[in-house]
Amino acid sequence: MTTENNSLNEMQRADVAVAAEHARILTEALPWVKAMAGTTVVIKYGGAAMVDASLRAAVMEDIMLMKAVGVNPIIVHGGGKDISALVTALNLPSEFKDGLRVTTPEVMRIVTMVLAGKVNEELVLALNAHGPLAIGLSGVDGSMVHCEIPDPELGRVGKVVMVDTDPITTLQKEGYIPVVASVGVGPDGQAVNVNADTFAAALARTCNASKIVFMTDVDGLYRDFSDKSTLISRLTAAEAHELIDSGILAKGMIPKVRAAVDALDGGVSRAHILNGTMEHALVLELFTDCGIGTMITGSADDLYRHDVAARVSRSALN
């Protein structure tokens, strides 16, 4: 009997040790939760994390956790792979110029069908598996996102010129999570295709977001992509401009970095580029001391304030 009791006590001690580690992690998150409660965070969702079912489930858990601790997430998505698959299946031409899809009227119908239909519905359903909180829409709904067409050779590809935030703020006031497809309204009143990164940046600026997060398939920005030790964990908007001008960045990252800087120039405090293939990347970056990925701030002063706030919040707990 004594041996059984000792064995039971050892098991209990092991359980308590695990619980204590969980409690430590929750305590570590507290300063970041306090700092972000009540703020808006725009999440540009894409890459493998949107396609892979298990990764998508982990992202949905992170977003629901953000909502539960008082953060107001807005999800923006594209859906290039699904668009390409349907364009190919229908034997329509698939052409790109400077990384943007040439969008004929026929292709535009597919873009709307895929983004505002298939992909948006899938993400809303995945979020609502945790409770009836997500509502899907696109920039066409409520004439929310108005665009010009800067390059006729690209067809119906829009550049955002104005955002009416009323549809978003109305949903947020009612406690919902907006899931927004990157389709806007063109100058002729018809739908246009919008790059999801720039679409997200425009929403972040006009919705007074505190942060914008770009989820991708790499760990962040590198000074030399072939050397993984050159990952850049933090930099300012000015330094990001220098990276673009230097030609160091991989071509696929340039639109994201430009969109991040655009958001910062519009008043967003922080921009983050994360690897969505890492489970719970959002929670790691936003609610832990270590963070992952690349964080871009408006200036060196913003970075200093971020560090001071972290130290003050941490000391208050000790």
C-alpha atoms as a PDB file:
ATOM      1  CA  MET A   1       0.000   0.000   0.000  1.00  0.00           C
ATOM      2  CA  THR A   2       2.828   2.387   0.859  1.00  0.00           C
ATOM      3  CA  THR A   3       4.535   1.700  -2.462  1.00  0.00           C
ATOM      4  CA  GLU A   4       1.295   2.423  -4.350  1.00  0.00           C
ATOM      5  CA  ASN A   5       0.843   5.693  -2.444  1.00  0.00           C
ATOM      6  CA  ASN A   6       4.413   6.744  -3.206  1.00  0.00           C
ATOM      7  CA  SER A   7       3.924   5.863  -6.847  1.00  0.00           C
ATOM      8  CA  LEU A   8       0.678   7.803  -6.944  1.00  0.00           C
ATOM      9  CA  ASN A   9       2.344  10.803  -5.317  1.00  0.00           C
ATOM     10  CA  GLU A  10       5.129  10.722  -7.906  1.00  0.00           C
ATOM     11  CA  MET A  11       2.541  10.750 -10.666  1.00  0.00           C
ATOM     12  CA  GLN A  12       0.772  13.649  -9.015  1.00  0.00           C
ATOM     13  CA  ARG A  13       4.038  15.545  -8.693  1.00  0.00           C
ATOM     14  CA  ALA A  14       4.703  15.003 -12.390  1.00  0.00           C
ATOM     15  CA  ASP A  15       1.235  16.322 -13.237  1.00  0.00           C
ATOM     16  CA  VAL A  16       1.785  19.366 -11.050  1.00  0.00           C
ATOM     17  CA  ALA A  17       5.136  20.023 -12.734  1.00  0.00           C
ATOM     18  CA  VAL A  18       3.461  19.986 -16.151  1.00  0.00           C
ATOM     19  CA  ALA A  19       0.693  22.256 -14.882  1.00  0.00           C
ATOM     20  CA  ALA A  20       3.275  24.611 -13.372  1.00  0.00           C
ATOM     21  CA  GLU A  21       5.014  24.903 -16.744  1.00  0.00           C
ATOM     22  CA  HIS A  22       1.679  25.710 -18.365  1.00  0.00           C
ATOM     23  CA  ALA A  23       1.072  28.351 -15.694  1.00  0.00           C
ATOM     24  CA  ARG A  24       4.528  29.841 -16.339  1.00  0.00           C
ATOM     25  CA  ILE A  25       3.753  30.109 -20.043  1.00  0.00           C
ATOM     26  CA  LEU A  26       0.423  31.792 -19.329  1.00  0.00           C
ATOM     27  CA  THR A  27       2.135  34.248 -16.988  1.00  0.00           C
ATOM     28  CA  GLU A  28       4.742  35.027 -19.631  1.00  0.00           C
ATOM     29  CA  ALA A  29       1.918  35.873 -22.041  1.00  0.00           C
ATOM     30  CA  LEU A  30       0.190  38.263 -19.616  1.00  0.00           C
ATOM     31  CA  PRO A  31       2.097  41.494 -20.472  1.00  0.00           C
ATOM     32  CA  TRP A  32       1.532  40.936 -24.178  1.00  0.00           C
ATOM     33  CA  VAL A  33      -2.148  40.129 -23.634  1.00  0.00           C
ATOM     34  CA  LYS A  34      -2.556  43.313 -21.578  1.00  0.00           C
ATOM     35  CA  ALA A  35      -0.813  45.390 -24.236  1.00  0.00           C
ATOM     36  CA  MET A  36      -2.963  44.026 -27.065  1.00  0.00           C
ATOM     37  CA  ALA A  37      -6.393  43.769 -25.408  1.00  0.00           C
ATOM     38  CA  GLY A  38      -8.877  45.971 -27.221  1.00  0.00           C
ATOM     39  CA  THR A  39      -6.664  46.467 -30.286  1.00  0.00           C
ATOM     40  CA  THR A  40      -7.238  45.353 -33.862  1.00  0.00           C
ATOM     41  CA  VAL A  41      -4.843  42.978 -35.621  1.00  0.00           C
ATOM     42  CA  VAL A  42      -5.067  42.349 -39.359  1.00  0.00           C
ATOM     43  CA  ILE A  43      -3.879  38.890 -40.398  1.00  0.00           C
ATOM     44  CA  LYS A  44      -3.038  38.330 -44.052  1.00  0.00           C
ATOM     45  CA  TYR A  45      -3.570  34.588 -44.272  1.00  0.00           C
ATOM     46  CA  GLY A  46      -2.017  32.521 -47.048  1.00  0.00           C
ATOM     47  CA  GLY A  47       0.508  29.905 -48.048  1.00  0.00           C
ATOM     48  CA  ALA A  48       0.584  26.313 -46.829  1.00  0.00           C
ATOM     49  CA  ALA A  49      -1.086  27.300 -43.547  1.00  0.00           C
ATOM     50  CA  MET A  50      -4.258  28.009 -45.500  1.00  0.00           C
ATOM     51  CA  VAL A  51      -4.144  24.873 -47.643  1.00  0.00           C
ATOM     52  CA  ASP A  52      -3.023  22.213 -45.137  1.00  0.00           C
ATOM     53  CA  ALA A  53      -5.961  21.175 -42.947  1.00  0.00           C
ATOM     54  CA  SER A  54      -3.963  20.588 -39.741  1.00  0.00           C
ATOM     55  CA  LEU A  55      -2.073  23.872 -40.069  1.00  0.00           C
ATOM     56  CA  ARG A  56      -5.308  25.697 -40.819  1.00  0.00           C
ATOM     57  CA  ALA A  57      -6.855  24.238 -37.668  1.00  0.00           C
ATOM     58  CA  ALA A  58      -3.895  25.485 -35.591  1.00  0.00           C
ATOM     59  CA  VAL A  59      -4.226  28.988 -37.066  1.00  0.00           C
ATOM     60  CA  MET A  60      -7.943  29.014 -36.284  1.00  0.00           C
ATOM     61  CA  GLU A  61      -7.160  28.083 -32.662  1.00  0.00           C
ATOM     62  CA  ASP A  62      -4.678  30.971 -32.458  1.00  0.00           C
ATOM     63  CA  ILE A  63      -7.224  33.409 -33.859  1.00  0.00           C
ATOM     64  CA  MET A  64      -9.899  32.236 -31.445  1.00  0.00           C
ATOM     65  CA  LEU A  65      -7.429  32.641 -28.564  1.00  0.00           C
ATOM     66  CA  MET A  66      -6.723  36.182 -29.718  1.00  0.00           C
ATOM     67  CA  LYS A  67     -10.452  36.888 -29.717  1.00  0.00           C
ATOM     68  CA  ALA A  68     -10.892  35.302 -26.271  1.00  0.00           C
ATOM     69  CA  VAL A  69      -8.285  37.602 -24.670  1.00  0.00           C
ATOM     70  CA  GLY A  70      -9.810  40.752 -26.112  1.00  0.00           C
ATOM     71  CA  VAL A  71      -7.955  41.221 -29.418  1.00  0.00           C
ATOM     72  CA  ASN A  72     -10.057  42.045 -32.506  1.00  0.00           C
ATOM     73  CA  PRO A  73      -8.697  40.008 -35.430  1.00  0.00           C
ATOM     74  CA  ILE A  74      -9.484  40.726 -39.078  1.00  0.00           C
ATOM     75  CA  ILE A  75      -8.510  37.990 -41.526  1.00  0.00           C
ATOM     76  CA  VAL A  76      -7.678  38.897 -45.128  1.00  0.00           C
ATOM     77  CA  HIS A  77      -7.039  36.157 -47.679  1.00  0.00           C
ATOM     78  CA  GLY A  78      -6.275  35.510 -51.295  1.00  0.00           C
ATOM     79  CA  GLY A  79      -6.321  32.103 -52.943  1.00  0.00           C
ATOM     80  CA  GLY A  80      -3.904  32.013 -55.847  1.00  0.00           C
ATOM     81  CA  LYS A  81      -3.448  28.243 -55.944  1.00  0.00           C
ATOM     82  CA  ASP A  82      -7.187  27.586 -56.095  1.00  0.00           C
ATOM     83  CA  ILE A  83      -7.623  30.236 -58.782  1.00  0.00           C
ATOM     84  CA  SER A  84      -4.812  28.734 -60.879  1.00  0.00           C
ATOM     85  CA  ALA A  85      -6.288  25.244 -60.535  1.00  0.00           C
ATOM     86  CA  LEU A  86      -9.703  26.328 -61.798  1.00  0.00           C
ATOM     87  CA  VAL A  87      -8.242  28.490 -64.582  1.00  0.00           C
ATOM     88  CA  THR A  88      -6.268  25.456 -65.778  1.00  0.00           C
ATOM     89  CA  ALA A  89      -9.279  23.145 -65.483  1.00  0.00           C
ATOM     90  CA  LEU A  90     -11.314  25.505 -67.668  1.00  0.00           C
ATOM     91  CA  ASN A  91      -8.484  25.817 -70.231  1.00  0.00           C
ATOM     92  CA  LEU A  92      -8.223  29.581 -69.806  1.00  0.00           C
ATOM     93  CA  PRO A  93      -4.904  31.400 -70.307  1.00  0.00           C
ATOM     94  CA  SER A  94      -2.845  31.895 -67.145  1.00  0.00           C
ATOM     95  CA  GLU A  95      -0.505  34.865 -67.443  1.00  0.00           C
ATOM     96  CA  PHE A  96       1.427  36.920 -64.893  1.00  0.00           C
ATOM     97  CA  LYS A  97       3.131  40.282 -65.181  1.00  0.00           C
ATOM     98  CA  ASP A  98       5.490  41.511 -62.452  1.00  0.00           C
ATOM     99  CA  GLY A  99       4.070  38.882 -60.111  1.00  0.00           C
ATOM    100  CA  LEU A 100       0.442  39.923 -60.665  1.00  0.00           C
ATOM    101  CA  ARG A 101      -2.156  37.781 -62.416  1.00  0.00           C
ATOM    102  CA  VAL A 102      -3.397  39.201 -65.706  1.00  0.00           C
ATOM    103  CA  THR A 103      -7.121  39.238 -64.999  1.00  0.00           C
ATOM    104  CA  THR A 104      -9.384  39.155 -68.028  1.00  0.00           C
ATOM    105  CA  PRO A 105     -13.168  39.433 -67.465  1.00  0.00           C
ATOM    106  CA  GLU A 106     -13.376  35.616 -67.730  1.00  0.00           C
ATOM    107  CA  VAL A 107     -10.602  35.140 -65.166  1.00  0.00           C
ATOM    108  CA  MET A 108     -12.204  37.778 -62.929  1.00  0.00           C
ATOM    109  CA  ARG A 109     -15.345  35.669 -62.705  1.00  0.00           C
ATOM    110  CA  ILE A 110     -13.196  32.770 -61.517  1.00  0.00           C
ATOM    111  CA  VAL A 111     -11.368  35.011 -59.021  1.00  0.00           C
ATOM    112  CA  THR A 112     -14.678  36.106 -57.495  1.00  0.00           C
ATOM    113  CA  MET A 113     -16.031  32.567 -57.472  1.00  0.00           C
ATOM    114  CA  VAL A 114     -12.948  31.168 -55.733  1.00  0.00           C
ATOM    115  CA  LEU A 115     -12.115  33.968 -53.291  1.00  0.00           C
ATOM    116  CA  ALA A 116     -15.545  35.206 -52.250  1.00  0.00           C
ATOM    117  CA  GLY A 117     -17.008  31.711 -52.542  1.00  0.00           C
ATOM    118  CA  LYS A 118     -14.918  28.581 -52.001  1.00  0.00           C
ATOM    119  CA  VAL A 119     -11.937  29.884 -49.993  1.00  0.00           C
ATOM    120  CA  ASN A 120     -13.893  32.373 -47.893  1.00  0.00           C
ATOM    121  CA  GLU A 121     -16.483  29.769 -46.981  1.00  0.00           C
ATOM    122  CA  GLU A 122     -13.815  27.235 -45.993  1.00  0.00           C
ATOM    123  CA  LEU A 123     -12.148  29.697 -43.625  1.00  0.00           C
ATOM    124  CA  VAL A 124     -15.424  30.833 -42.081  1.00  0.00           C
ATOM    125  CA  LEU A 125     -16.423  27.231 -41.455  1.00  0.00           C
ATOM    126  CA  ALA A 126     -13.019  26.452 -39.914  1.00  0.00           C
ATOM    127  CA  LEU A 127     -13.307  29.387 -37.506  1.00  0.00           C
ATOM    128  CA  ASN A 128     -16.925  28.673 -36.679  1.00  0.00           C
ATOM    129  CA  ALA A 129     -15.982  25.165 -35.596  1.00  0.00           C
ATOM    130  CA  HIS A 130     -14.984  26.983 -32.374  1.00  0.00           C
ATOM    131  CA  GLY A 131     -18.202  28.996 -32.123  1.00  0.00           C
ATOM    132  CA  PRO A 132     -20.436  31.124 -34.369  1.00  0.00           C
ATOM    133  CA  LEU A 133     -18.129  34.140 -34.568  1.00  0.00           C
ATOM    134  CA  ALA A 134     -16.793  34.430 -38.124  1.00  0.00           C
ATOM    135  CA  ILE A 135     -18.593  36.203 -40.949  1.00  0.00           C
ATOM    136  CA  GLY A 136     -17.271  36.148 -44.506  1.00  0.00           C
ATOM    137  CA  LEU A 137     -17.314  39.055 -46.912  1.00  0.00           C
ATOM    138  CA  SER A 138     -15.231  40.679 -49.623  1.00  0.00           C
ATOM    139  CA  GLY A 139     -14.283  44.236 -50.459  1.00  0.00           C
ATOM    140  CA  VAL A 140     -17.353  44.339 -52.709  1.00  0.00           C
ATOM    141  CA  ASP A 141     -19.752  43.959 -49.779  1.00  0.00           C
ATOM    142  CA  GLY A 142     -21.085  47.331 -48.717  1.00  0.00           C
ATOM    143  CA  SER A 143     -18.841  48.824 -51.424  1.00  0.00           C
ATOM    144  CA  MET A 144     -16.143  48.605 -48.779  1.00  0.00           C
ATOM    145  CA  VAL A 145     -12.952  48.691 -50.879  1.00  0.00           C
ATOM    146  CA  HIS A 146     -12.775  51.058 -53.849  1.00  0.00           C
ATOM    147  CA  CYS A 147     -10.018  50.645 -56.427  1.00  0.00           C
ATOM    148  CA  GLU A 148      -8.536  52.156 -59.529  1.00  0.00           C
ATOM    149  CA  ILE A 149      -7.077  50.127 -62.402  1.00  0.00           C
ATOM    150  CA  PRO A 150      -3.533  51.477 -62.786  1.00  0.00           C
ATOM    151  CA  ASP A 151      -2.356  49.183 -65.590  1.00  0.00           C
ATOM    152  CA  PRO A 152      -4.857  48.245 -68.322  1.00  0.00           C
ATOM    153  CA  GLU A 153      -2.458  45.528 -69.520  1.00  0.00           C
ATOM    154  CA  LEU A 154      -3.163  43.639 -66.291  1.00  0.00           C
ATOM    155  CA  GLY A 155      -6.900  43.694 -66.943  1.00  0.00           C
ATOM    156  CA  ARG A 156      -9.136  43.848 -63.883  1.00  0.00           C
ATOM    157  CA  VAL A 157      -6.365  44.232 -61.304  1.00  0.00           C
ATOM    158  CA  GLY A 158      -7.133  46.961 -58.814  1.00  0.00           C
ATOM    159  CA  LYS A 159      -5.141  49.286 -56.586  1.00  0.00           C
ATOM    160  CA  VAL A 160      -6.937  50.331 -53.396  1.00  0.00           C
ATOM    161  CA  VAL A 161      -7.743  54.037 -53.236  1.00  0.00           C
ATOM    162  CA  MET A 162     -10.408  54.134 -50.503  1.00  0.00           C
ATOM    163  CA  VAL A 163     -11.762  51.890 -47.763  1.00  0.00           C
ATOM    164  CA  ASP A 164     -15.122  52.366 -46.047  1.00  0.00           C
ATOM    165  CA  THR A 165     -14.627  50.690 -42.671  1.00  0.00           C
ATOM    166  CA  ASP A 166     -18.322  50.685 -41.669  1.00  0.00           C
ATOM    167  CA  PRO A 167     -18.947  47.006 -42.600  1.00  0.00           C
ATOM    168  CA  ILE A 168     -15.881  45.930 -40.582  1.00  0.00           C
ATOM    169  CA  THR A 169     -16.578  48.080 -37.514  1.00  0.00           C
ATOM    170  CA  THR A 170     -20.231  47.015 -37.491  1.00  0.00           C
ATOM    171  CA  LEU A 171     -19.227  43.355 -37.375  1.00  0.00           C
ATOM    172  CA  GLN A 172     -16.597  44.004 -34.700  1.00  0.00           C
ATOM    173  CA  LYS A 173     -19.057  45.875 -32.475  1.00  0.00           C
ATOM    174  CA  GLU A 174     -21.297  42.816 -32.584  1.00  0.00           C
ATOM    175  CA  GLY A 175     -18.386  40.580 -31.585  1.00  0.00           C
ATOM    176  CA  TYR A 176     -17.768  38.945 -34.952  1.00  0.00           C
ATOM    177  CA  ILE A 177     -14.485  38.145 -36.713  1.00  0.00           C
ATOM    178  CA  PRO A 178     -14.488  39.487 -40.292  1.00  0.00           C
ATOM    179  CA  VAL A 179     -12.979  37.154 -42.892  1.00  0.00           C
ATOM    180  CA  VAL A 180     -12.371  39.278 -45.993  1.00  0.00           C
ATOM    181  CA  ALA A 181     -11.629  38.120 -49.548  1.00  0.00           C
ATOM    182  CA  SER A 182      -9.326  40.439 -51.509  1.00  0.00           C
ATOM    183  CA  VAL A 183     -11.815  41.525 -54.159  1.00  0.00           C
ATOM    184  CA  GLY A 184     -12.635  45.226 -54.560  1.00  0.00           C
ATOM    185  CA  VAL A 185     -14.892  47.535 -56.526  1.00  0.00           C
ATOM    186  CA  GLY A 186     -13.427  49.048 -59.696  1.00  0.00           C
ATOM    187  CA  PRO A 187     -14.083  52.522 -61.121  1.00  0.00           C
ATOM    188  CA  ASP A 188     -16.850  51.058 -63.319  1.00  0.00           C
ATOM    189  CA  GLY A 189     -18.633  49.580 -60.312  1.00  0.00           C
ATOM    190  CA  GLN A 190     -17.594  46.017 -61.163  1.00  0.00           C
ATOM    191  CA  ALA A 191     -15.354  43.637 -59.217  1.00  0.00           C
ATOM    192  CA  VAL A 192     -11.561  43.788 -59.490  1.00  0.00           C
ATOM    193  CA  ASN A 193      -8.802  41.467 -58.327  1.00  0.00           C
ATOM    194  CA  VAL A 194      -6.554  42.969 -55.603  1.00  0.00           C
ATOM    195  CA  ASN A 195      -3.224  41.653 -54.315  1.00  0.00           C
ATOM    196  CA  ALA A 196      -4.047  40.292 -50.857  1.00  0.00           C
ATOM    197  CA  ASP A 197      -0.943  41.809 -49.212  1.00  0.00           C
ATOM    198  CA  THR A 198      -1.760  45.347 -50.336  1.00  0.00           C
ATOM    199  CA  PHE A 199      -5.443  44.772 -49.582  1.00  0.00           C
ATOM    200  CA  ALA A 200      -4.540  43.779 -46.011  1.00  0.00           C
ATOM    201  CA  ALA A 201      -2.290  46.822 -45.597  1.00  0.00           C
ATOM    202  CA  ALA A 202      -5.084  49.142 -46.736  1.00  0.00           C
ATOM    203  CA  LEU A 203      -7.498  47.601 -44.231  1.00  0.00           C
ATOM    204  CA  ALA A 204      -4.929  47.809 -41.439  1.00  0.00           C
ATOM    205  CA  ARG A 205      -4.363  51.513 -42.081  1.00  0.00           C
ATOM    206  CA  THR A 206      -8.013  52.483 -42.206  1.00  0.00           C
ATOM    207  CA  CYS A 207      -9.143  50.229 -39.338  1.00  0.00           C
ATOM    208  CA  ASN A 208      -6.472  51.722 -37.019  1.00  0.00           C
ATOM    209  CA  ALA A 209      -4.898  48.308 -36.480  1.00  0.00           C
ATOM    210  CA  SER A 210      -2.091  48.028 -33.955  1.00  0.00           C
ATOM    211  CA  LYS A 211      -0.444  45.216 -35.930  1.00  0.00           C
ATOM    212  CA  ILE A 212      -0.501  43.562 -39.311  1.00  0.00           C
ATOM    213  CA  VAL A 213       0.694  39.973 -39.689  1.00  0.00           C
ATOM    214  CA  PHE A 214       1.692  38.374 -42.998  1.00  0.00           C
ATOM    215  CA  MET A 215       1.619  34.578 -42.866  1.00  0.00           C
ATOM    216  CA  THR A 216       3.853  32.926 -45.443  1.00  0.00           C
ATOM    217  CA  ASP A 217       5.888  29.740 -45.958  1.00  0.00           C
ATOM    218  CA  VAL A 218       9.310  30.989 -44.807  1.00  0.00           C
ATOM    219  CA  ASP A 219      10.583  32.036 -41.385  1.00  0.00           C
ATOM    220  CA  GLY A 220      10.847  35.739 -42.260  1.00  0.00           C
ATOM    221  CA  LEU A 221      13.267  38.043 -44.039  1.00  0.00           C
ATOM    222  CA  TYR A 222      16.857  36.964 -44.749  1.00  0.00           C
ATOM    223  CA  ARG A 223      19.899  38.972 -45.739  1.00  0.00           C
ATOM    224  CA  ASP A 224      20.930  35.866 -47.664  1.00  0.00           C
ATOM    225  CA  PHE A 225      18.121  33.376 -48.235  1.00  0.00           C
ATOM    226  CA  SER A 226      20.623  30.560 -48.835  1.00  0.00           C
ATOM    227  CA  ASP A 227      22.053  31.124 -45.335  1.00  0.00           C
ATOM    228  CA  LYS A 228      19.375  30.514 -42.699  1.00  0.00           C
ATOM    229  CA  SER A 229      21.561  32.104 -40.018  1.00  0.00           C
ATOM    230  CA  THR A 230      20.920  35.511 -41.642  1.00  0.00           C
ATOM    231  CA  LEU A 231      17.271  35.675 -40.556  1.00  0.00           C
ATOM    232  CA  ILE A 232      16.401  39.266 -39.634  1.00  0.00           C
ATOM    233  CA  SER A 233      14.342  39.263 -36.452  1.00  0.00           C
ATOM    234  CA  ARG A 234      13.752  43.026 -36.202  1.00  0.00           C
ATOM    235  CA  LEU A 235      14.185  46.070 -38.397  1.00  0.00           C
ATOM    236  CA  THR A 236      12.712  49.502 -39.038  1.00  0.00           C
ATOM    237  CA  ALA A 237      10.692  50.662 -42.024  1.00  0.00           C
ATOM    238  CA  ALA A 238      13.693  52.641 -43.298  1.00  0.00           C
ATOM    239  CA  GLU A 239      15.868  49.518 -43.112  1.00  0.00           C
ATOM    240  CA  ALA A 240      13.159  47.568 -44.934  1.00  0.00           C
ATOM    241  CA  HIS A 241      13.218  50.154 -47.736  1.00  0.00           C
ATOM    242  CA  GLU A 242      16.983  49.708 -47.975  1.00  0.00           C
ATOM    243  CA  LEU A 243      16.583  45.933 -48.266  1.00  0.00           C
ATOM    244  CA  ILE A 244      14.120  46.342 -51.139  1.00  0.00           C
ATOM    245  CA  ASP A 245      16.376  48.808 -52.960  1.00  0.00           C
ATOM    246  CA  SER A 246      19.455  46.627 -52.419  1.00  0.00           C
ATOM    247  CA  GLY A 247      17.981  43.678 -54.277  1.00  0.00           C
ATOM    248  CA  ILE A 248      18.799  41.350 -51.370  1.00  0.00           C
ATOM    249  CA  LEU A 249      15.237  40.218 -50.740  1.00  0.00           C
ATOM    250  CA  ALA A 250      13.703  37.283 -52.567  1.00  0.00           C
ATOM    251  CA  LYS A 251      11.270  38.560 -55.204  1.00  0.00           C
ATOM    252  CA  GLY A 252       8.334  36.845 -53.538  1.00  0.00           C
ATOM    253  CA  MET A 253       8.913  38.773 -50.307  1.00  0.00           C
ATOM    254  CA  ILE A 254       9.117  42.249 -51.860  1.00  0.00           C
ATOM    255  CA  PRO A 255       5.308  42.760 -52.150  1.00  0.00           C
ATOM    256  CA  LYS A 256       4.886  41.735 -48.513  1.00  0.00           C
ATOM    257  CA  VAL A 257       7.620  44.073 -47.295  1.00  0.00           C
ATOM    258  CA  ARG A 258       6.231  46.947 -49.360  1.00  0.00           C
ATOM    259  CA  ALA A 259       2.764  46.289 -47.958  1.00  0.00           C
ATOM    260  CA  ALA A 260       4.181  46.115 -44.424  1.00  0.00           C
ATOM    261  CA  VAL A 261       5.943  49.470 -44.836  1.00  0.00           C
ATOM    262  CA  ASP A 262       2.800  50.963 -46.367  1.00  0.00           C
ATOM    263  CA  ALA A 263       0.833  49.880 -43.296  1.00  0.00           C
ATOM    264  CA  LEU A 264       3.464  51.358 -40.956  1.00  0.00           C
ATOM    265  CA  ASP A 265       3.447  54.627 -42.896  1.00  0.00           C
ATOM    266  CA  GLY A 266      -0.316  54.688 -42.377  1.00  0.00           C
ATOM    267  CA  GLY A 267      -0.052  54.493 -38.592  1.00  0.00           C
ATOM    268  CA  VAL A 268       0.094  50.759 -37.857  1.00  0.00           C
ATOM    269  CA  SER A 269       2.575  50.186 -35.002  1.00  0.00           C
ATOM    270  CA  ARG A 270       4.078  46.814 -35.951  1.00  0.00           C
ATOM    271  CA  ALA A 271       4.255  44.515 -38.957  1.00  0.00           C
ATOM    272  CA  HIS A 272       5.172  40.840 -38.604  1.00  0.00           C
ATOM    273  CA  ILE A 273       6.173  38.294 -41.252  1.00  0.00           C
ATOM    274  CA  LEU A 274       5.696  34.737 -39.961  1.00  0.00           C
ATOM    275  CA  ASN A 275       6.103  31.178 -41.137  1.00  0.00           C
ATOM    276  CA  GLY A 276       2.591  29.789 -41.068  1.00  0.00           C
ATOM    277  CA  THR A 277       3.895  26.225 -41.409  1.00  0.00           C
ATOM    278  CA  MET A 278       5.016  26.435 -37.764  1.00  0.00           C
ATOM    279  CA  GLU A 279       2.102  25.435 -35.562  1.00  0.00           C
ATOM    280  CA  HIS A 280       0.742  28.280 -33.423  1.00  0.00           C
ATOM    281  CA  ALA A 281       3.075  30.805 -35.027  1.00  0.00           C
ATOM    282  CA  LEU A 282       0.641  33.619 -34.223  1.00  0.00           C
ATOM    283  CA  VAL A 283       0.628  32.887 -30.492  1.00  0.00           C
ATOM    284  CA  LEU A 284       4.407  32.474 -30.404  1.00  0.00           C
ATOM    285  CA  GLU A 285       4.996  35.808 -32.114  1.00  0.00           C
ATOM    286  CA  LEU A 286       2.324  37.882 -30.404  1.00  0.00           C
ATOM    287  CA  PHE A 287       2.158  36.454 -26.879  1.00  0.00           C
ATOM    288  CA  THR A 288       5.606  35.143 -25.914  1.00  0.00           C
ATOM    289  CA  ASP A 289       8.902  36.787 -25.007  1.00  0.00           C
ATOM    290  CA  CYS A 290      10.962  35.031 -27.670  1.00  0.00           C
ATOM    291  CA  GLY A 291       8.830  35.704 -30.723  1.00  0.00           C
ATOM    292  CA  ILE A 292       9.564  34.283 -34.157  1.00  0.00           C
ATOM    293  CA  GLY A 293       9.721  35.613 -37.688  1.00  0.00           C
ATOM    294  CA  THR A 294      10.536  39.218 -38.598  1.00  0.00           C
ATOM    295  CA  MET A 295       9.080  42.280 -36.874  1.00  0.00           C
ATOM    296  CA  ILE A 296       9.162  45.657 -38.643  1.00  0.00           C
ATOM    297  CA  THR A 297       8.565  48.900 -36.737  1.00  0.00           C
ATOM    298  CA  GLY A 298       8.026  52.413 -38.005  1.00  0.00           C
ATOM    299  CA  SER A 299      11.280  53.714 -36.510  1.00  0.00           C
ATOM    300  CA  ALA A 300      14.078  52.893 -34.080  1.00  0.00           C
ATOM    301  CA  ASP A 301      12.122  54.824 -31.423  1.00  0.00           C
ATOM    302  CA  ASP A 302       9.157  52.486 -31.929  1.00  0.00           C
ATOM    303  CA  LEU A 303      11.457  49.519 -31.459  1.00  0.00           C
ATOM    304  CA  TYR A 304      12.885  51.067 -28.279  1.00  0.00           C
ATOM    305  CA  ARG A 305       9.388  51.696 -26.892  1.00  0.00           C
ATOM    306  CA  HIS A 306       8.482  48.080 -27.649  1.00  0.00           C
ATOM    307  CA  ASP A 307      11.475  46.824 -25.651  1.00  0.00           C
ATOM    308  CA  VAL A 308      10.865  49.199 -22.735  1.00  0.00           C
ATOM    309  CA  ALA A 309       7.200  48.212 -22.533  1.00  0.00           C
ATOM    310  CA  ALA A 310       8.200  44.550 -22.431  1.00  0.00           C
ATOM    311  CA  ARG A 311      10.721  45.121 -19.617  1.00  0.00           C
ATOM    312  CA  VAL A 312       8.321  47.229 -17.545  1.00  0.00           C
ATOM    313  CA  SER A 313       5.508  44.736 -17.936  1.00  0.00           C
ATOM    314  CA  ARG A 314       7.800  41.853 -17.085  1.00  0.00           C
ATOM    315  CA  SER A 315       9.244  43.557 -13.965  1.00  0.00           C
ATOM    316  CA  ALA A 316       5.740  44.255 -12.697  1.00  0.00           C
ATOM    317  CA  LEU A 317       5.105  40.535 -12.594  1.00  0.00           C
ATOM    318  CA  ASN A 318       8.280  39.659 -10.702  1.00  0.00           C
END
